[in-house]
Amino acid sequence: MTLIEEYNKQAIQFLNWNEKTYKQLQKTQIWKNARSEVMRIRKVNINCEVCGHGASPLYMHHIKYDFSHIFNPRNIIFICKKCNARIHYKKWTL
């Protein structure tokens, strides 16, 4: 089992067994570890993958919400706060 598969398993257990929300998952060590591993696999630098600006912190954004594979590196981009707000509140599509 890869680290990503293990983090997916832990995330699903966290959400199901604890009746927790996605927002609560984002505050866990599971999320932090998975985020670091996805960044390592994807070789992400410090630039937003939408606008290209250097930004810190970068948000881990899911292209399609598939909670069975929540940390799939092919379904995640890293974006700045401004692009995150545009996607979520102005309904940009990728």
PDB file of N, CA and C in Angstrom:
ATOM      1  N   MET A   1       0.846  -1.172   0.000  1.00  0.00           N
ATOM      2  CA  MET A   1       0.000   0.000   0.000  1.00  0.00           C
ATOM      3  C   MET A   1       0.898   1.246   0.000  1.00  0.00           C
ATOM      4  N   THR A   2       0.615   2.188  -0.898  1.00  0.00           N
ATOM      5  CA  THR A   2       1.390   3.431  -0.951  1.00  0.00           C
ATOM      6  C   THR A   2       0.965   4.359   0.185  1.00  0.00           C
ATOM      7  N   LEU A   3       1.761   5.387   0.428  1.00  0.00           N
ATOM      8  CA  LEU A   3       1.393   6.370   1.450  1.00  0.00           C
ATOM      9  C   LEU A   3       0.068   7.044   1.110  1.00  0.00           C
ATOM     10  N   ILE A   4      -0.130   7.373  -0.158  1.00  0.00           N
ATOM     11  CA  ILE A   4      -1.374   8.027  -0.567  1.00  0.00           C
ATOM     12  C   ILE A   4      -2.562   7.114  -0.296  1.00  0.00           C
ATOM     13  N   GLU A   5      -2.440   5.843  -0.612  1.00  0.00           N
ATOM     14  CA  GLU A   5      -3.526   4.898  -0.343  1.00  0.00           C
ATOM     15  C   GLU A   5      -3.805   4.795   1.159  1.00  0.00           C
ATOM     16  N   GLU A   6      -2.743   4.808   1.941  1.00  0.00           N
ATOM     17  CA  GLU A   6      -2.916   4.761   3.397  1.00  0.00           C
ATOM     18  C   GLU A   6      -3.606   6.024   3.909  1.00  0.00           C
ATOM     19  N   TYR A   7      -3.217   7.194   3.401  1.00  0.00           N
ATOM     20  CA  TYR A   7      -3.874   8.442   3.817  1.00  0.00           C
ATOM     21  C   TYR A   7      -5.333   8.476   3.368  1.00  0.00           C
ATOM     22  N   ASN A   8      -5.626   7.949   2.178  1.00  0.00           N
ATOM     23  CA  ASN A   8      -7.021   7.858   1.732  1.00  0.00           C
ATOM     24  C   ASN A   8      -7.828   7.000   2.700  1.00  0.00           C
ATOM     25  N   LYS A   9      -7.275   5.865   3.078  1.00  0.00           N
ATOM     26  CA  LYS A   9      -7.951   4.952   4.001  1.00  0.00           C
ATOM     27  C   LYS A   9      -8.205   5.646   5.339  1.00  0.00           C
ATOM     28  N   GLN A  10      -7.185   6.327   5.861  1.00  0.00           N
ATOM     29  CA  GLN A  10      -7.326   7.033   7.139  1.00  0.00           C
ATOM     30  C   GLN A  10      -8.376   8.138   7.051  1.00  0.00           C
ATOM     31  N   ALA A  11      -8.394   8.852   5.924  1.00  0.00           N
ATOM     32  CA  ALA A  11      -9.360   9.942   5.747  1.00  0.00           C
ATOM     33  C   ALA A  11     -10.781   9.399   5.718  1.00  0.00           C
ATOM     34  N   ILE A  12     -11.001   8.321   4.997  1.00  0.00           N
ATOM     35  CA  ILE A  12     -12.340   7.726   4.922  1.00  0.00           C
ATOM     36  C   ILE A  12     -12.773   7.235   6.297  1.00  0.00           C
ATOM     37  N   GLN A  13     -11.860   6.612   7.025  1.00  0.00           N
ATOM     38  CA  GLN A  13     -12.178   6.164   8.380  1.00  0.00           C
ATOM     39  C   GLN A  13     -12.515   7.350   9.276  1.00  0.00           C
ATOM     40  N   PHE A  14     -11.736   8.404   9.168  1.00  0.00           N
ATOM     41  CA  PHE A  14     -11.980   9.607   9.970  1.00  0.00           C
ATOM     42  C   PHE A  14     -13.372  10.166   9.687  1.00  0.00           C
ATOM     43  N   LEU A  15     -13.702  10.284   8.406  1.00  0.00           N
ATOM     44  CA  LEU A  15     -14.994  10.863   8.028  1.00  0.00           C
ATOM     45  C   LEU A  15     -16.165   9.955   8.414  1.00  0.00           C
ATOM     46  N   ASN A  16     -16.026   8.666   8.213  1.00  0.00           N
ATOM     47  CA  ASN A  16     -17.117   7.729   8.489  1.00  0.00           C
ATOM     48  C   ASN A  16     -17.279   7.409   9.970  1.00  0.00           C
ATOM     49  N   TRP A  17     -16.195   7.012  10.595  1.00  0.00           N
ATOM     50  CA  TRP A  17     -16.287   6.526  11.958  1.00  0.00           C
ATOM     51  C   TRP A  17     -16.538   7.640  12.961  1.00  0.00           C
ATOM     52  N   ASN A  18     -16.003   8.770  12.711  1.00  0.00           N
ATOM     53  CA  ASN A  18     -16.131   9.871  13.667  1.00  0.00           C
ATOM     54  C   ASN A  18     -17.262  10.832  13.329  1.00  0.00           C
ATOM     55  N   GLU A  19     -17.974  10.546  12.232  1.00  0.00           N
ATOM     56  CA  GLU A  19     -19.032  11.437  11.752  1.00  0.00           C
ATOM     57  C   GLU A  19     -18.523  12.874  11.655  1.00  0.00           C
ATOM     58  N   LYS A  20     -17.331  12.999  11.122  1.00  0.00           N
ATOM     59  CA  LYS A  20     -16.700  14.305  10.976  1.00  0.00           C
ATOM     60  C   LYS A  20     -16.982  14.877   9.597  1.00  0.00           C
ATOM     61  N   THR A  21     -16.695  16.154   9.465  1.00  0.00           N
ATOM     62  CA  THR A  21     -16.905  16.831   8.195  1.00  0.00           C
ATOM     63  C   THR A  21     -15.580  16.986   7.445  1.00  0.00           C
ATOM     64  N   TYR A  22     -15.706  17.309   6.188  1.00  0.00           N
ATOM     65  CA  TYR A  22     -14.546  17.576   5.338  1.00  0.00           C
ATOM     66  C   TYR A  22     -13.704  18.700   5.930  1.00  0.00           C
ATOM     67  N   LYS A  23     -14.346  19.751   6.440  1.00  0.00           N
ATOM     68  CA  LYS A  23     -13.617  20.875   7.049  1.00  0.00           C
ATOM     69  C   LYS A  23     -12.789  20.407   8.244  1.00  0.00           C
ATOM     70  N   GLN A  24     -13.343  19.484   9.033  1.00  0.00           N
ATOM     71  CA  GLN A  24     -12.601  18.964  10.175  1.00  0.00           C
ATOM     72  C   GLN A  24     -11.417  18.118   9.720  1.00  0.00           C
ATOM     73  N   LEU A  25     -11.602  17.373   8.629  1.00  0.00           N
ATOM     74  CA  LEU A  25     -10.510  16.569   8.082  1.00  0.00           C
ATOM     75  C   LEU A  25      -9.339  17.458   7.686  1.00  0.00           C
ATOM     76  N   GLN A  26      -9.625  18.639   7.149  1.00  0.00           N
ATOM     77  CA  GLN A  26      -8.573  19.549   6.697  1.00  0.00           C
ATOM     78  C   GLN A  26      -7.674  20.031   7.837  1.00  0.00           C
ATOM     79  N   LYS A  27      -8.103  19.874   9.065  1.00  0.00           N
ATOM     80  CA  LYS A  27      -7.322  20.330  10.218  1.00  0.00           C
ATOM     81  C   LYS A  27      -6.509  19.216  10.864  1.00  0.00           C
ATOM     82  N   THR A  28      -6.553  18.019  10.287  1.00  0.00           N
ATOM     83  CA  THR A  28      -5.895  16.870  10.902  1.00  0.00           C
ATOM     84  C   THR A  28      -4.471  16.655  10.390  1.00  0.00           C
ATOM     85  N   GLN A  29      -3.754  15.827  11.115  1.00  0.00           N
ATOM     86  CA  GLN A  29      -2.417  15.425  10.691  1.00  0.00           C
ATOM     87  C   GLN A  29      -2.498  14.561   9.435  1.00  0.00           C
ATOM     88  N   ILE A  30      -3.585  13.814   9.272  1.00  0.00           N
ATOM     89  CA  ILE A  30      -3.797  13.018   8.053  1.00  0.00           C
ATOM     90  C   ILE A  30      -3.711  13.937   6.841  1.00  0.00           C
ATOM     91  N   TRP A  31      -4.440  15.047   6.888  1.00  0.00           N
ATOM     92  CA  TRP A  31      -4.482  16.012   5.784  1.00  0.00           C
ATOM     93  C   TRP A  31      -3.093  16.600   5.536  1.00  0.00           C
ATOM     94  N   LYS A  32      -2.426  17.008   6.601  1.00  0.00           N
ATOM     95  CA  LYS A  32      -1.098  17.619   6.468  1.00  0.00           C
ATOM     96  C   LYS A  32      -0.102  16.648   5.851  1.00  0.00           C
ATOM     97  N   ASN A  33      -0.121  15.403   6.322  1.00  0.00           N
ATOM     98  CA  ASN A  33       0.790  14.396   5.781  1.00  0.00           C
ATOM     99  C   ASN A  33       0.487  14.106   4.316  1.00  0.00           C
ATOM    100  N   ALA A  34      -0.786  13.946   4.003  1.00  0.00           N
ATOM    101  CA  ALA A  34      -1.181  13.652   2.619  1.00  0.00           C
ATOM    102  C   ALA A  34      -0.827  14.820   1.704  1.00  0.00           C
ATOM    103  N   ARG A  35      -1.057  16.025   2.160  1.00  0.00           N
ATOM    104  CA  ARG A  35      -0.739  17.224   1.366  1.00  0.00           C
ATOM    105  C   ARG A  35       0.752  17.250   1.031  1.00  0.00           C
ATOM    106  N   SER A  36       1.584  16.992   2.027  1.00  0.00           N
ATOM    107  CA  SER A  36       3.030  16.972   1.803  1.00  0.00           C
ATOM    108  C   SER A  36       3.421  15.885   0.809  1.00  0.00           C
ATOM    109  N   GLU A  37       2.808  14.725   0.935  1.00  0.00           N
ATOM    110  CA  GLU A  37       3.131  13.612   0.037  1.00  0.00           C
ATOM    111  C   GLU A  37       2.672  13.902  -1.391  1.00  0.00           C
ATOM    112  N   VAL A  38       1.484  14.481  -1.541  1.00  0.00           N
ATOM    113  CA  VAL A  38       1.005  14.833  -2.887  1.00  0.00           C
ATOM    114  C   VAL A  38       1.915  15.890  -3.502  1.00  0.00           C
ATOM    115  N   MET A  39       2.332  16.870  -2.725  1.00  0.00           N
ATOM    116  CA  MET A  39       3.244  17.901  -3.238  1.00  0.00           C
ATOM    117  C   MET A  39       4.562  17.276  -3.674  1.00  0.00           C
ATOM    118  N   ARG A  40       5.054  16.313  -2.897  1.00  0.00           N
ATOM    119  CA  ARG A  40       6.307  15.647  -3.242  1.00  0.00           C
ATOM    120  C   ARG A  40       6.157  14.854  -4.543  1.00  0.00           C
ATOM    121  N   ILE A  41       5.077  14.095  -4.657  1.00  0.00           N
ATOM    122  CA  ILE A  41       4.839  13.292  -5.859  1.00  0.00           C
ATOM    123  C   ILE A  41       4.677  14.178  -7.092  1.00  0.00           C
ATOM    124  N   ARG A  42       3.931  15.251  -6.943  1.00  0.00           N
ATOM    125  CA  ARG A  42       3.644  16.140  -8.067  1.00  0.00           C
ATOM    126  C   ARG A  42       4.780  17.111  -8.348  1.00  0.00           C
ATOM    127  N   LYS A  43       5.771  17.150  -7.451  1.00  0.00           N
ATOM    128  CA  LYS A  43       6.911  18.072  -7.579  1.00  0.00           C
ATOM    129  C   LYS A  43       6.438  19.527  -7.677  1.00  0.00           C
ATOM    130  N   VAL A  44       5.525  19.880  -6.783  1.00  0.00           N
ATOM    131  CA  VAL A  44       4.947  21.221  -6.765  1.00  0.00           C
ATOM    132  C   VAL A  44       5.947  22.198  -6.177  1.00  0.00           C
ATOM    133  N   ASN A  45       6.099  23.339  -6.842  1.00  0.00           N
ATOM    134  CA  ASN A  45       6.951  24.385  -6.282  1.00  0.00           C
ATOM    135  C   ASN A  45       6.065  25.369  -5.514  1.00  0.00           C
ATOM    136  N   ILE A  46       6.511  26.579  -5.319  1.00  0.00           N
ATOM    137  CA  ILE A  46       5.746  27.534  -4.501  1.00  0.00           C
ATOM    138  C   ILE A  46       4.809  28.399  -5.330  1.00  0.00           C
ATOM    139  N   ASN A  47       4.590  28.062  -6.595  1.00  0.00           N
ATOM    140  CA  ASN A  47       3.728  28.871  -7.442  1.00  0.00           C
ATOM    141  C   ASN A  47       2.341  28.253  -7.597  1.00  0.00           C
ATOM    142  N   CYS A  48       1.346  29.103  -7.640  1.00  0.00           N
ATOM    143  CA  CYS A  48      -0.032  28.693  -7.878  1.00  0.00           C
ATOM    144  C   CYS A  48      -0.116  28.016  -9.249  1.00  0.00           C
ATOM    145  N   GLU A  49      -0.798  26.890  -9.314  1.00  0.00           N
ATOM    146  CA  GLU A  49      -0.913  26.157 -10.574  1.00  0.00           C
ATOM    147  C   GLU A  49      -1.985  26.722 -11.498  1.00  0.00           C
ATOM    148  N   VAL A  50      -2.708  27.739 -11.057  1.00  0.00           N
ATOM    149  CA  VAL A  50      -3.695  28.395 -11.919  1.00  0.00           C
ATOM    150  C   VAL A  50      -3.135  29.692 -12.483  1.00  0.00           C
ATOM    151  N   CYS A  51      -2.702  30.607 -11.605  1.00  0.00           N
ATOM    152  CA  CYS A  51      -2.243  31.920 -12.071  1.00  0.00           C
ATOM    153  C   CYS A  51      -0.720  32.031 -12.173  1.00  0.00           C
ATOM    154  N   GLY A  52       0.008  31.114 -11.532  1.00  0.00           N
ATOM    155  CA  GLY A  52       1.463  31.114 -11.613  1.00  0.00           C
ATOM    156  C   GLY A  52       2.171  32.002 -10.615  1.00  0.00           C
ATOM    157  N   HIS A  53       1.433  32.763  -9.838  1.00  0.00           N
ATOM    158  CA  HIS A  53       2.073  33.646  -8.861  1.00  0.00           C
ATOM    159  C   HIS A  53       2.608  32.852  -7.689  1.00  0.00           C
ATOM    160  N   GLY A  54       3.734  33.313  -7.170  1.00  0.00           N
ATOM    161  CA  GLY A  54       4.284  32.714  -5.959  1.00  0.00           C
ATOM    162  C   GLY A  54       3.383  33.062  -4.797  1.00  0.00           C
ATOM    163  N   ALA A  55       3.011  32.082  -4.032  1.00  0.00           N
ATOM    164  CA  ALA A  55       2.076  32.331  -2.939  1.00  0.00           C
ATOM    165  C   ALA A  55       2.333  31.344  -1.816  1.00  0.00           C
ATOM    166  N   SER A  56       2.088  31.806  -0.625  1.00  0.00           N
ATOM    167  CA  SER A  56       2.175  30.934   0.529  1.00  0.00           C
ATOM    168  C   SER A  56       1.060  31.323   1.482  1.00  0.00           C
ATOM    169  N   PRO A  57       0.297  30.408   1.957  1.00  0.00           N
ATOM    170  CA  PRO A  57       0.335  28.981   1.644  1.00  0.00           C
ATOM    171  C   PRO A  57      -0.428  28.686   0.353  1.00  0.00           C
ATOM    172  N   LEU A  58      -0.150  27.537  -0.204  1.00  0.00           N
ATOM    173  CA  LEU A  58      -0.930  27.058  -1.336  1.00  0.00           C
ATOM    174  C   LEU A  58      -2.034  26.157  -0.799  1.00  0.00           C
ATOM    175  N   TYR A  59      -3.208  26.280  -1.378  1.00  0.00           N
ATOM    176  CA  TYR A  59      -4.347  25.458  -0.987  1.00  0.00           C
ATOM    177  C   TYR A  59      -4.387  24.203  -1.850  1.00  0.00           C
ATOM    178  N   MET A  60      -4.722  23.080  -1.237  1.00  0.00           N
ATOM    179  CA  MET A  60      -4.888  21.835  -1.973  1.00  0.00           C
ATOM    180  C   MET A  60      -6.335  21.801  -2.456  1.00  0.00           C
ATOM    181  N   HIS A  61      -6.520  21.883  -3.773  1.00  0.00           N
ATOM    182  CA  HIS A  61      -7.861  21.949  -4.352  1.00  0.00           C
ATOM    183  C   HIS A  61      -8.141  20.697  -5.175  1.00  0.00           C
ATOM    184  N   HIS A  62      -9.291  20.103  -4.928  1.00  0.00           N
ATOM    185  CA  HIS A  62      -9.704  18.914  -5.678  1.00  0.00           C
ATOM    186  C   HIS A  62     -10.422  19.342  -6.949  1.00  0.00           C
ATOM    187  N   ILE A  63      -9.994  18.813  -8.072  1.00  0.00           N
ATOM    188  CA  ILE A  63     -10.631  19.131  -9.345  1.00  0.00           C
ATOM    189  C   ILE A  63     -12.034  18.541  -9.372  1.00  0.00           C
ATOM    190  N   LYS A  64     -12.147  17.305  -8.936  1.00  0.00           N
ATOM    191  CA  LYS A  64     -13.442  16.631  -8.815  1.00  0.00           C
ATOM    192  C   LYS A  64     -13.478  16.008  -7.427  1.00  0.00           C
ATOM    193  N   TYR A  65     -14.559  16.208  -6.708  1.00  0.00           N
ATOM    194  CA  TYR A  65     -14.656  15.650  -5.369  1.00  0.00           C
ATOM    195  C   TYR A  65     -15.030  14.178  -5.442  1.00  0.00           C
ATOM    196  N   ASP A  66     -14.043  13.344  -5.156  1.00  0.00           N
ATOM    197  CA  ASP A  66     -14.201  11.898  -5.152  1.00  0.00           C
ATOM    198  C   ASP A  66     -13.614  11.418  -3.831  1.00  0.00           C
ATOM    199  N   PHE A  67     -14.468  11.269  -2.835  1.00  0.00           N
ATOM    200  CA  PHE A  67     -13.975  10.980  -1.499  1.00  0.00           C
ATOM    201  C   PHE A  67     -13.476   9.551  -1.325  1.00  0.00           C
ATOM    202  N   SER A  68     -13.676   8.712  -2.323  1.00  0.00           N
ATOM    203  CA  SER A  68     -13.101   7.375  -2.228  1.00  0.00           C
ATOM    204  C   SER A  68     -11.594   7.416  -2.520  1.00  0.00           C
ATOM    205  N   HIS A  69     -11.158   8.465  -3.200  1.00  0.00           N
ATOM    206  CA  HIS A  69      -9.728   8.660  -3.506  1.00  0.00           C
ATOM    207  C   HIS A  69      -9.384  10.133  -3.265  1.00  0.00           C
ATOM    208  N   ILE A  70      -9.573  10.560  -2.044  1.00  0.00           N
ATOM    209  CA  ILE A  70      -9.497  11.981  -1.709  1.00  0.00           C
ATOM    210  C   ILE A  70      -8.123  12.602  -1.955  1.00  0.00           C
ATOM    211  N   PHE A  71      -7.061  11.807  -1.893  1.00  0.00           N
ATOM    212  CA  PHE A  71      -5.723  12.350  -2.074  1.00  0.00           C
ATOM    213  C   PHE A  71      -5.068  11.889  -3.371  1.00  0.00           C
ATOM    214  N   ASN A  72      -5.851  11.616  -4.383  1.00  0.00           N
ATOM    215  CA  ASN A  72      -5.322  11.202  -5.687  1.00  0.00           C
ATOM    216  C   ASN A  72      -4.555  12.375  -6.299  1.00  0.00           C
ATOM    217  N   PRO A  73      -3.243  12.256  -6.491  1.00  0.00           N
ATOM    218  CA  PRO A  73      -2.442  13.370  -7.015  1.00  0.00           C
ATOM    219  C   PRO A  73      -2.898  13.880  -8.386  1.00  0.00           C
ATOM    220  N   ARG A  74      -3.543  13.039  -9.183  1.00  0.00           N
ATOM    221  CA  ARG A  74      -4.016  13.475 -10.505  1.00  0.00           C
ATOM    222  C   ARG A  74      -5.298  14.299 -10.416  1.00  0.00           C
ATOM    223  N   ASN A  75      -5.897  14.333  -9.229  1.00  0.00           N
ATOM    224  CA  ASN A  75      -7.151  15.055  -9.048  1.00  0.00           C
ATOM    225  C   ASN A  75      -6.966  16.293  -8.166  1.00  0.00           C
ATOM    226  N   ILE A  76      -5.723  16.678  -7.929  1.00  0.00           N
ATOM    227  CA  ILE A  76      -5.430  17.790  -7.021  1.00  0.00           C
ATOM    228  C   ILE A  76      -4.533  18.806  -7.719  1.00  0.00           C
ATOM    229  N   ILE A  77      -4.859  20.082  -7.487  1.00  0.00           N
ATOM    230  CA  ILE A  77      -3.959  21.161  -7.888  1.00  0.00           C
ATOM    231  C   ILE A  77      -3.686  22.006  -6.646  1.00  0.00           C
ATOM    232  N   PHE A  78      -2.586  22.730  -6.675  1.00  0.00           N
ATOM    233  CA  PHE A  78      -2.233  23.613  -5.574  1.00  0.00           C
ATOM    234  C   PHE A  78      -2.374  25.043  -6.056  1.00  0.00           C
ATOM    235  N   ILE A  79      -3.203  25.798  -5.330  1.00  0.00           N
ATOM    236  CA  ILE A  79      -3.563  27.141  -5.783  1.00  0.00           C
ATOM    237  C   ILE A  79      -3.425  28.167  -4.655  1.00  0.00           C
ATOM    238  N   CYS A  80      -3.298  29.424  -5.060  1.00  0.00           N
ATOM    239  CA  CYS A  80      -3.178  30.512  -4.096  1.00  0.00           C
ATOM    240  C   CYS A  80      -4.555  30.866  -3.510  1.00  0.00           C
ATOM    241  N   LYS A  81      -4.537  31.676  -2.484  1.00  0.00           N
ATOM    242  CA  LYS A  81      -5.775  32.082  -1.803  1.00  0.00           C
ATOM    243  C   LYS A  81      -6.729  32.796  -2.760  1.00  0.00           C
ATOM    244  N   LYS A  82      -6.175  33.643  -3.610  1.00  0.00           N
ATOM    245  CA  LYS A  82      -7.004  34.410  -4.550  1.00  0.00           C
ATOM    246  C   LYS A  82      -7.709  33.482  -5.553  1.00  0.00           C
ATOM    247  N   CYS A  83      -6.976  32.542  -6.130  1.00  0.00           N
ATOM    248  CA  CYS A  83      -7.589  31.603  -7.083  1.00  0.00           C
ATOM    249  C   CYS A  83      -8.565  30.674  -6.387  1.00  0.00           C
ATOM    250  N   ASN A  84      -8.253  30.286  -5.138  1.00  0.00           N
ATOM    251  CA  ASN A  84      -9.169  29.446  -4.375  1.00  0.00           C
ATOM    252  C   ASN A  84     -10.506  30.156  -4.180  1.00  0.00           C
ATOM    253  N   ALA A  85     -10.443  31.435  -3.827  1.00  0.00           N
ATOM    254  CA  ALA A  85     -11.673  32.214  -3.645  1.00  0.00           C
ATOM    255  C   ALA A  85     -12.430  32.343  -4.962  1.00  0.00           C
ATOM    256  N   ARG A  86     -11.729  32.569  -6.043  1.00  0.00           N
ATOM    257  CA  ARG A  86     -12.381  32.679  -7.344  1.00  0.00           C
ATOM    258  C   ARG A  86     -13.095  31.386  -7.723  1.00  0.00           C
ATOM    259  N   ILE A  87     -12.449  30.266  -7.461  1.00  0.00           N
ATOM    260  CA  ILE A  87     -13.048  28.971  -7.808  1.00  0.00           C
ATOM    261  C   ILE A  87     -14.272  28.692  -6.941  1.00  0.00           C
ATOM    262  N   HIS A  88     -14.161  28.945  -5.647  1.00  0.00           N
ATOM    263  CA  HIS A  88     -15.247  28.590  -4.738  1.00  0.00           C
ATOM    264  C   HIS A  88     -16.372  29.614  -4.676  1.00  0.00           C
ATOM    265  N   TYR A  89     -16.049  30.883  -4.804  1.00  0.00           N
ATOM    266  CA  TYR A  89     -17.077  31.897  -4.603  1.00  0.00           C
ATOM    267  C   TYR A  89     -17.544  32.546  -5.897  1.00  0.00           C
ATOM    268  N   LYS A  90     -16.718  32.541  -6.893  1.00  0.00           N
ATOM    269  CA  LYS A  90     -17.132  33.092  -8.197  1.00  0.00           C
ATOM    270  C   LYS A  90     -17.405  32.002  -9.208  1.00  0.00           C
ATOM    271  N   LYS A  91     -17.295  30.762  -8.733  1.00  0.00           N
ATOM    272  CA  LYS A  91     -17.636  29.580  -9.510  1.00  0.00           C
ATOM    273  C   LYS A  91     -16.832  29.447 -10.812  1.00  0.00           C
ATOM    274  N   TRP A  92     -15.535  29.725 -10.725  1.00  0.00           N
ATOM    275  CA  TRP A  92     -14.643  29.414 -11.845  1.00  0.00           C
ATOM    276  C   TRP A  92     -14.648  27.911 -12.046  1.00  0.00           C
ATOM    277  N   THR A  93     -14.426  27.486 -13.253  1.00  0.00           N
ATOM    278  CA  THR A  93     -14.240  26.055 -13.508  1.00  0.00           C
ATOM    279  C   THR A  93     -12.846  25.838 -14.049  1.00  0.00           C
ATOM    280  N   LEU A  94     -12.331  24.675 -13.798  1.00  0.00           N
ATOM    281  CA  LEU A  94     -10.981  24.341 -14.253  1.00  0.00           C
ATOM    282  C   LEU A  94     -11.053  23.480 -15.491  1.00  0.00           C
TER     283      LEU A  94
END
